[in-house]
Amino acid sequence: METRIIEHAKVIKKVAYDYFSIPGDLPFPSNEYEILFQTPSNEIIDCTCSIFEYQVLEEGDEGELIIKDHEIIKFADKIKEVKD
């Protein structure tokens, strides 16, 4: 999937939940995190994220959003992809 650039997006909701990849197979679930963004045209964009991204972003944050395959590549001045 191609990289998508949204000139302006706003964090409208943060979601954390437990996830069992195969019910009953693992004794403990993994933690999953999602951020929901809204564009000026009212499109809702759902992105998976790391615990770091989840903790850094707050509801109401606004800025340019760059995503690829529902993963955040860059958001405002708070998140940016780091290459080794």
PDB file of N, CA and C in Angstrom:
ATOM      1  N   MET A   1       0.850  -1.188   0.000  1.00  0.00           N
ATOM      2  CA  MET A   1       0.000   0.000   0.000  1.00  0.00           C
ATOM      3  C   MET A   1       0.885   1.238   0.000  1.00  0.00           C
ATOM      4  N   GLU A   2       0.413   2.277  -0.616  1.00  0.00           N
ATOM      5  CA  GLU A   2       1.211   3.481  -0.726  1.00  0.00           C
ATOM      6  C   GLU A   2       1.111   4.354   0.518  1.00  0.00           C
ATOM      7  N   THR A   3       2.094   5.223   0.645  1.00  0.00           N
ATOM      8  CA  THR A   3       2.112   6.183   1.739  1.00  0.00           C
ATOM      9  C   THR A   3       1.067   7.259   1.462  1.00  0.00           C
ATOM     10  N   ARG A   4       0.353   7.642   2.496  1.00  0.00           N
ATOM     11  CA  ARG A   4      -0.699   8.648   2.353  1.00  0.00           C
ATOM     12  C   ARG A   4      -0.368   9.848   3.235  1.00  0.00           C
ATOM     13  N   ILE A   5      -0.477  11.037   2.672  1.00  0.00           N
ATOM     14  CA  ILE A   5      -0.204  12.264   3.416  1.00  0.00           C
ATOM     15  C   ILE A   5      -1.509  13.023   3.596  1.00  0.00           C
ATOM     16  N   ILE A   6      -1.842  13.320   4.843  1.00  0.00           N
ATOM     17  CA  ILE A   6      -3.039  14.098   5.165  1.00  0.00           C
ATOM     18  C   ILE A   6      -2.543  15.427   5.724  1.00  0.00           C
ATOM     19  N   GLU A   7      -2.856  16.521   5.046  1.00  0.00           N
ATOM     20  CA  GLU A   7      -2.313  17.822   5.431  1.00  0.00           C
ATOM     21  C   GLU A   7      -2.707  18.245   6.834  1.00  0.00           C
ATOM     22  N   HIS A   8      -3.900  17.869   7.261  1.00  0.00           N
ATOM     23  CA  HIS A   8      -4.332  18.248   8.610  1.00  0.00           C
ATOM     24  C   HIS A   8      -5.215  17.144   9.187  1.00  0.00           C
ATOM     25  N   ALA A   9      -4.851  16.686  10.364  1.00  0.00           N
ATOM     26  CA  ALA A   9      -5.646  15.672  11.057  1.00  0.00           C
ATOM     27  C   ALA A   9      -5.635  15.989  12.547  1.00  0.00           C
ATOM     28  N   LYS A  10      -6.662  15.497  13.233  1.00  0.00           N
ATOM     29  CA  LYS A  10      -6.802  15.726  14.668  1.00  0.00           C
ATOM     30  C   LYS A  10      -7.004  14.394  15.371  1.00  0.00           C
ATOM     31  N   VAL A  11      -6.299  14.191  16.481  1.00  0.00           N
ATOM     32  CA  VAL A  11      -6.495  12.987  17.290  1.00  0.00           C
ATOM     33  C   VAL A  11      -7.839  13.128  17.996  1.00  0.00           C
ATOM     34  N   ILE A  12      -8.753  12.170  17.735  1.00  0.00           N
ATOM     35  CA  ILE A  12     -10.068  12.264  18.373  1.00  0.00           C
ATOM     36  C   ILE A  12     -10.294  11.179  19.414  1.00  0.00           C
ATOM     37  N   LYS A  13      -9.488  10.101  19.363  1.00  0.00           N
ATOM     38  CA  LYS A  13      -9.683   9.034  20.344  1.00  0.00           C
ATOM     39  C   LYS A  13      -8.452   8.147  20.397  1.00  0.00           C
ATOM     40  N   LYS A  14      -8.135   7.680  21.616  1.00  0.00           N
ATOM     41  CA  LYS A  14      -7.064   6.714  21.832  1.00  0.00           C
ATOM     42  C   LYS A  14      -7.703   5.451  22.406  1.00  0.00           C
ATOM     43  N   VAL A  15      -7.301   4.288  21.878  1.00  0.00           N
ATOM     44  CA  VAL A  15      -7.891   3.022  22.305  1.00  0.00           C
ATOM     45  C   VAL A  15      -6.780   2.036  22.647  1.00  0.00           C
ATOM     46  N   ALA A  16      -6.874   1.442  23.831  1.00  0.00           N
ATOM     47  CA  ALA A  16      -5.941   0.380  24.238  1.00  0.00           C
ATOM     48  C   ALA A  16      -6.777  -0.836  24.610  1.00  0.00           C
ATOM     49  N   TYR A  17      -6.309  -2.012  24.193  1.00  0.00           N
ATOM     50  CA  TYR A  17      -7.066  -3.222  24.500  1.00  0.00           C
ATOM     51  C   TYR A  17      -6.144  -4.431  24.523  1.00  0.00           C
ATOM     52  N   ASP A  18      -6.609  -5.507  25.138  1.00  0.00           N
ATOM     53  CA  ASP A  18      -5.891  -6.777  25.160  1.00  0.00           C
ATOM     54  C   ASP A  18      -6.269  -7.576  23.924  1.00  0.00           C
ATOM     55  N   TYR A  19      -5.283  -8.238  23.332  1.00  0.00           N
ATOM     56  CA  TYR A  19      -5.518  -8.984  22.103  1.00  0.00           C
ATOM     57  C   TYR A  19      -4.944 -10.386  22.219  1.00  0.00           C
ATOM     58  N   PHE A  20      -5.781 -11.383  21.994  1.00  0.00           N
ATOM     59  CA  PHE A  20      -5.342 -12.777  21.920  1.00  0.00           C
ATOM     60  C   PHE A  20      -5.265 -13.145  20.444  1.00  0.00           C
ATOM     61  N   SER A  21      -4.051 -13.401  19.928  1.00  0.00           N
ATOM     62  CA  SER A  21      -3.931 -13.721  18.508  1.00  0.00           C
ATOM     63  C   SER A  21      -4.637 -15.030  18.172  1.00  0.00           C
ATOM     64  N   ILE A  22      -4.531 -16.006  19.058  1.00  0.00           N
ATOM     65  CA  ILE A  22      -5.256 -17.266  18.910  1.00  0.00           C
ATOM     66  C   ILE A  22      -5.900 -17.559  20.261  1.00  0.00           C
ATOM     67  N   PRO A  23      -7.201 -17.367  20.390  1.00  0.00           N
ATOM     68  CA  PRO A  23      -7.859 -17.561  21.690  1.00  0.00           C
ATOM     69  C   PRO A  23      -7.506 -18.907  22.319  1.00  0.00           C
ATOM     70  N   GLY A  24      -7.081 -18.841  23.574  1.00  0.00           N
ATOM     71  CA  GLY A  24      -6.752 -20.055  24.318  1.00  0.00           C
ATOM     72  C   GLY A  24      -5.353 -20.582  24.074  1.00  0.00           C
ATOM     73  N   ASP A  25      -4.630 -20.034  23.092  1.00  0.00           N
ATOM     74  CA  ASP A  25      -3.292 -20.526  22.768  1.00  0.00           C
ATOM     75  C   ASP A  25      -2.222 -19.893  23.645  1.00  0.00           C
ATOM     76  N   LEU A  26      -2.363 -18.623  23.960  1.00  0.00           N
ATOM     77  CA  LEU A  26      -1.386 -17.921  24.788  1.00  0.00           C
ATOM     78  C   LEU A  26      -1.995 -17.639  26.155  1.00  0.00           C
ATOM     79  N   PRO A  27      -1.199 -17.802  27.213  1.00  0.00           N
ATOM     80  CA  PRO A  27      -1.748 -17.549  28.549  1.00  0.00           C
ATOM     81  C   PRO A  27      -2.040 -16.081  28.812  1.00  0.00           C
ATOM     82  N   PHE A  28      -1.326 -15.189  28.116  1.00  0.00           N
ATOM     83  CA  PHE A  28      -1.524 -13.764  28.338  1.00  0.00           C
ATOM     84  C   PHE A  28      -1.739 -13.055  26.994  1.00  0.00           C
ATOM     85  N   PRO A  29      -2.635 -12.091  26.966  1.00  0.00           N
ATOM     86  CA  PRO A  29      -2.850 -11.347  25.714  1.00  0.00           C
ATOM     87  C   PRO A  29      -1.724 -10.339  25.481  1.00  0.00           C
ATOM     88  N   SER A  30      -1.604  -9.877  24.254  1.00  0.00           N
ATOM     89  CA  SER A  30      -0.681  -8.777  23.973  1.00  0.00           C
ATOM     90  C   SER A  30      -1.478  -7.475  24.070  1.00  0.00           C
ATOM     91  N   ASN A  31      -0.789  -6.409  24.377  1.00  0.00           N
ATOM     92  CA  ASN A  31      -1.430  -5.096  24.429  1.00  0.00           C
ATOM     93  C   ASN A  31      -1.417  -4.496  23.035  1.00  0.00           C
ATOM     94  N   GLU A  32      -2.538  -3.978  22.597  1.00  0.00           N
ATOM     95  CA  GLU A  32      -2.661  -3.344  21.296  1.00  0.00           C
ATOM     96  C   GLU A  32      -3.124  -1.905  21.507  1.00  0.00           C
ATOM     97  N   TYR A  33      -2.661  -1.017  20.633  1.00  0.00           N
ATOM     98  CA  TYR A  33      -2.975   0.410  20.756  1.00  0.00           C
ATOM     99  C   TYR A  33      -3.402   0.963  19.402  1.00  0.00           C
ATOM    100  N   GLU A  34      -4.409   1.825  19.427  1.00  0.00           N
ATOM    101  CA  GLU A  34      -4.902   2.469  18.213  1.00  0.00           C
ATOM    102  C   GLU A  34      -5.146   3.945  18.491  1.00  0.00           C
ATOM    103  N   ILE A  35      -4.943   4.742  17.457  1.00  0.00           N
ATOM    104  CA  ILE A  35      -5.251   6.171  17.504  1.00  0.00           C
ATOM    105  C   ILE A  35      -6.232   6.452  16.370  1.00  0.00           C
ATOM    106  N   LEU A  36      -7.292   7.177  16.668  1.00  0.00           N
ATOM    107  CA  LEU A  36      -8.243   7.582  15.642  1.00  0.00           C
ATOM    108  C   LEU A  36      -8.052   9.065  15.358  1.00  0.00           C
ATOM    109  N   PHE A  37      -7.898   9.370  14.061  1.00  0.00           N
ATOM    110  CA  PHE A  37      -7.731  10.741  13.602  1.00  0.00           C
ATOM    111  C   PHE A  37      -8.967  11.142  12.805  1.00  0.00           C
ATOM    112  N   GLN A  38      -9.228  12.458  12.786  1.00  0.00           N
ATOM    113  CA  GLN A  38     -10.302  12.986  11.953  1.00  0.00           C
ATOM    114  C   GLN A  38      -9.730  14.083  11.068  1.00  0.00           C
ATOM    115  N   THR A  39     -10.121  14.056   9.791  1.00  0.00           N
ATOM    116  CA  THR A  39      -9.676  15.072   8.840  1.00  0.00           C
ATOM    117  C   THR A  39     -10.709  16.188   8.770  1.00  0.00           C
ATOM    118  N   PRO A  40     -10.360  17.318   8.148  1.00  0.00           N
ATOM    119  CA  PRO A  40     -11.346  18.406   7.992  1.00  0.00           C
ATOM    120  C   PRO A  40     -12.594  17.986   7.221  1.00  0.00           C
ATOM    121  N   SER A  41     -12.484  16.942   6.370  1.00  0.00           N
ATOM    122  CA  SER A  41     -13.659  16.460   5.625  1.00  0.00           C
ATOM    123  C   SER A  41     -14.444  15.419   6.428  1.00  0.00           C
ATOM    124  N   ASN A  42     -14.105  15.269   7.719  1.00  0.00           N
ATOM    125  CA  ASN A  42     -14.754  14.347   8.660  1.00  0.00           C
ATOM    126  C   ASN A  42     -14.456  12.874   8.399  1.00  0.00           C
ATOM    127  N   GLU A  43     -13.440  12.579   7.599  1.00  0.00           N
ATOM    128  CA  GLU A  43     -13.004  11.191   7.424  1.00  0.00           C
ATOM    129  C   GLU A  43     -12.321  10.735   8.718  1.00  0.00           C
ATOM    130  N   ILE A  44     -12.633   9.525   9.160  1.00  0.00           N
ATOM    131  CA  ILE A  44     -12.003   8.942  10.343  1.00  0.00           C
ATOM    132  C   ILE A  44     -10.927   7.967   9.868  1.00  0.00           C
ATOM    133  N   ILE A  45      -9.726   8.131  10.391  1.00  0.00           N
ATOM    134  CA  ILE A  45      -8.593   7.278  10.041  1.00  0.00           C
ATOM    135  C   ILE A  45      -8.139   6.553  11.292  1.00  0.00           C
ATOM    136  N   ASP A  46      -8.133   5.229  11.231  1.00  0.00           N
ATOM    137  CA  ASP A  46      -7.772   4.374  12.359  1.00  0.00           C
ATOM    138  C   ASP A  46      -6.366   3.832  12.130  1.00  0.00           C
ATOM    139  N   CYS A  47      -5.450   4.120  13.059  1.00  0.00           N
ATOM    140  CA  CYS A  47      -4.064   3.685  12.915  1.00  0.00           C
ATOM    141  C   CYS A  47      -3.626   2.862  14.120  1.00  0.00           C
ATOM    142  N   THR A  48      -2.931   1.766  13.838  1.00  0.00           N
ATOM    143  CA  THR A  48      -2.306   1.018  14.923  1.00  0.00           C
ATOM    144  C   THR A  48      -1.039   1.765  15.320  1.00  0.00           C
ATOM    145  N   CYS A  49      -0.632   1.610  16.571  1.00  0.00           N
ATOM    146  CA  CYS A  49       0.551   2.330  17.021  1.00  0.00           C
ATOM    147  C   CYS A  49       1.244   1.584  18.151  1.00  0.00           C
ATOM    148  N   SER A  50       2.444   2.031  18.466  1.00  0.00           N
ATOM    149  CA  SER A  50       3.227   1.467  19.566  1.00  0.00           C
ATOM    150  C   SER A  50       2.802   2.128  20.875  1.00  0.00           C
ATOM    151  N   ILE A  51       3.265   1.577  21.972  1.00  0.00           N
ATOM    152  CA  ILE A  51       2.990   2.179  23.285  1.00  0.00           C
ATOM    153  C   ILE A  51       3.593   3.583  23.343  1.00  0.00           C
ATOM    154  N   PHE A  52       4.757   3.775  22.728  1.00  0.00           N
ATOM    155  CA  PHE A  52       5.383   5.100  22.710  1.00  0.00           C
ATOM    156  C   PHE A  52       4.484   6.113  22.023  1.00  0.00           C
ATOM    157  N   GLU A  53       4.009   5.784  20.822  1.00  0.00           N
ATOM    158  CA  GLU A  53       3.132   6.695  20.082  1.00  0.00           C
ATOM    159  C   GLU A  53       1.851   6.951  20.851  1.00  0.00           C
ATOM    160  N   TYR A  54       1.328   5.901  21.466  1.00  0.00           N
ATOM    161  CA  TYR A  54       0.090   6.023  22.257  1.00  0.00           C
ATOM    162  C   TYR A  54       0.278   7.012  23.404  1.00  0.00           C
ATOM    163  N   GLN A  55       1.438   6.948  24.064  1.00  0.00           N
ATOM    164  CA  GLN A  55       1.690   7.828  25.214  1.00  0.00           C
ATOM    165  C   GLN A  55       2.025   9.260  24.804  1.00  0.00           C
ATOM    166  N   VAL A  56       2.644   9.432  23.646  1.00  0.00           N
ATOM    167  CA  VAL A  56       3.062  10.760  23.190  1.00  0.00           C
ATOM    168  C   VAL A  56       1.884  11.599  22.691  1.00  0.00           C
ATOM    169  N   LEU A  57       0.942  10.964  22.015  1.00  0.00           N
ATOM    170  CA  LEU A  57      -0.187  11.707  21.448  1.00  0.00           C
ATOM    171  C   LEU A  57      -1.318  11.860  22.460  1.00  0.00           C
ATOM    172  N   GLU A  58      -1.971  12.998  22.386  1.00  0.00           N
ATOM    173  CA  GLU A  58      -3.116  13.290  23.248  1.00  0.00           C
ATOM    174  C   GLU A  58      -4.321  13.632  22.384  1.00  0.00           C
ATOM    175  N   GLU A  59      -5.503  13.325  22.882  1.00  0.00           N
ATOM    176  CA  GLU A  59      -6.714  13.721  22.170  1.00  0.00           C
ATOM    177  C   GLU A  59      -6.699  15.235  22.008  1.00  0.00           C
ATOM    178  N   GLY A  60      -7.007  15.691  20.804  1.00  0.00           N
ATOM    179  CA  GLY A  60      -6.990  17.115  20.504  1.00  0.00           C
ATOM    180  C   GLY A  60      -5.741  17.564  19.760  1.00  0.00           C
ATOM    181  N   ASP A  61      -4.670  16.751  19.766  1.00  0.00           N
ATOM    182  CA  ASP A  61      -3.461  17.095  19.004  1.00  0.00           C
ATOM    183  C   ASP A  61      -3.814  17.209  17.530  1.00  0.00           C
ATOM    184  N   GLU A  62      -3.187  18.166  16.850  1.00  0.00           N
ATOM    185  CA  GLU A  62      -3.451  18.388  15.433  1.00  0.00           C
ATOM    186  C   GLU A  62      -2.160  18.586  14.668  1.00  0.00           C
ATOM    187  N   GLY A  63      -2.177  18.196  13.375  1.00  0.00           N
ATOM    188  CA  GLY A  63      -1.022  18.426  12.524  1.00  0.00           C
ATOM    189  C   GLY A  63      -1.059  17.561  11.286  1.00  0.00           C
ATOM    190  N   GLU A  64       0.035  17.620  10.521  1.00  0.00           N
ATOM    191  CA  GLU A  64       0.164  16.801   9.326  1.00  0.00           C
ATOM    192  C   GLU A  64       0.340  15.343   9.733  1.00  0.00           C
ATOM    193  N   LEU A  65      -0.347  14.454   9.031  1.00  0.00           N
ATOM    194  CA  LEU A  65      -0.288  13.023   9.313  1.00  0.00           C
ATOM    195  C   LEU A  65       0.202  12.292   8.066  1.00  0.00           C
ATOM    196  N   ILE A  66       1.198  11.441   8.242  1.00  0.00           N
ATOM    197  CA  ILE A  66       1.668  10.576   7.167  1.00  0.00           C
ATOM    198  C   ILE A  66       1.522   9.147   7.660  1.00  0.00           C
ATOM    199  N   ILE A  67       0.795   8.321   6.878  1.00  0.00           N
ATOM    200  CA  ILE A  67       0.552   6.929   7.263  1.00  0.00           C
ATOM    201  C   ILE A  67       0.895   5.991   6.114  1.00  0.00           C
ATOM    202  N   LYS A  68       1.145   4.751   6.472  1.00  0.00           N
ATOM    203  CA  LYS A  68       1.345   3.687   5.483  1.00  0.00           C
ATOM    204  C   LYS A  68       0.779   2.414   6.091  1.00  0.00           C
ATOM    205  N   ASP A  69      -0.155   1.782   5.395  1.00  0.00           N
ATOM    206  CA  ASP A  69      -0.785   0.543   5.877  1.00  0.00           C
ATOM    207  C   ASP A  69      -1.334   0.681   7.295  1.00  0.00           C
ATOM    208  N   HIS A  70      -1.998   1.785   7.585  1.00  0.00           N
ATOM    209  CA  HIS A  70      -2.610   2.060   8.894  1.00  0.00           C
ATOM    210  C   HIS A  70      -1.585   2.195  10.020  1.00  0.00           C
ATOM    211  N   GLU A  71      -0.333   2.457   9.671  1.00  0.00           N
ATOM    212  CA  GLU A  71       0.690   2.732  10.682  1.00  0.00           C
ATOM    213  C   GLU A  71       1.145   4.176  10.539  1.00  0.00           C
ATOM    214  N   ILE A  72       1.386   4.828  11.675  1.00  0.00           N
ATOM    215  CA  ILE A  72       1.797   6.225  11.675  1.00  0.00           C
ATOM    216  C   ILE A  72       3.278   6.306  11.306  1.00  0.00           C
ATOM    217  N   ILE A  73       3.591   7.090  10.281  1.00  0.00           N
ATOM    218  CA  ILE A  73       4.971   7.355   9.894  1.00  0.00           C
ATOM    219  C   ILE A  73       5.414   8.681  10.513  1.00  0.00           C
ATOM    220  N   LYS A  74       4.521   9.683  10.457  1.00  0.00           N
ATOM    221  CA  LYS A  74       4.823  10.998  11.021  1.00  0.00           C
ATOM    222  C   LYS A  74       3.520  11.654  11.434  1.00  0.00           C
ATOM    223  N   PHE A  75       3.567  12.362  12.556  1.00  0.00           N
ATOM    224  CA  PHE A  75       2.430  13.183  12.950  1.00  0.00           C
ATOM    225  C   PHE A  75       2.946  14.446  13.621  1.00  0.00           C
ATOM    226  N   ALA A  76       2.578  15.579  13.038  1.00  0.00           N
ATOM    227  CA  ALA A  76       2.969  16.901  13.542  1.00  0.00           C
ATOM    228  C   ALA A  76       4.459  16.889  13.867  1.00  0.00           C
ATOM    229  N   ASP A  77       4.826  17.451  15.010  1.00  0.00           N
ATOM    230  CA  ASP A  77       6.234  17.426  15.426  1.00  0.00           C
ATOM    231  C   ASP A  77       6.452  16.403  16.541  1.00  0.00           C
ATOM    232  N   LYS A  78       5.464  15.516  16.763  1.00  0.00           N
ATOM    233  CA  LYS A  78       5.540  14.574  17.877  1.00  0.00           C
ATOM    234  C   LYS A  78       6.064  13.192  17.493  1.00  0.00           C
ATOM    235  N   ILE A  79       5.806  12.752  16.260  1.00  0.00           N
ATOM    236  CA  ILE A  79       6.228  11.412  15.833  1.00  0.00           C
ATOM    237  C   ILE A  79       6.866  11.525  14.457  1.00  0.00           C
ATOM    238  N   LYS A  80       8.016  10.903  14.300  1.00  0.00           N
ATOM    239  CA  LYS A  80       8.626  10.831  12.975  1.00  0.00           C
ATOM    240  C   LYS A  80       9.388   9.518  12.874  1.00  0.00           C
ATOM    241  N   GLU A  81       9.378   8.957  11.670  1.00  0.00           N
ATOM    242  CA  GLU A  81      10.076   7.702  11.420  1.00  0.00           C
ATOM    243  C   GLU A  81      11.575   7.923  11.537  1.00  0.00           C
ATOM    244  N   VAL A  82      12.240   7.002  12.214  1.00  0.00           N
ATOM    245  CA  VAL A  82      13.683   7.089  12.394  1.00  0.00           C
ATOM    246  C   VAL A  82      14.327   5.948  11.637  1.00  0.00           C
ATOM    247  N   LYS A  83      15.277   6.269  10.793  1.00  0.00           N
ATOM    248  CA  LYS A  83      16.010   5.250  10.031  1.00  0.00           C
ATOM    249  C   LYS A  83      17.377   5.057  10.660  1.00  0.00           C
ATOM    250  N   ASP A  84      17.823   3.787  10.727  1.00  0.00           N
ATOM    251  CA  ASP A  84      19.165   3.514  11.254  1.00  0.00           C
ATOM    252  C   ASP A  84      20.230   3.831  10.230  1.00  0.00           C
TER     253      ASP A  84
END
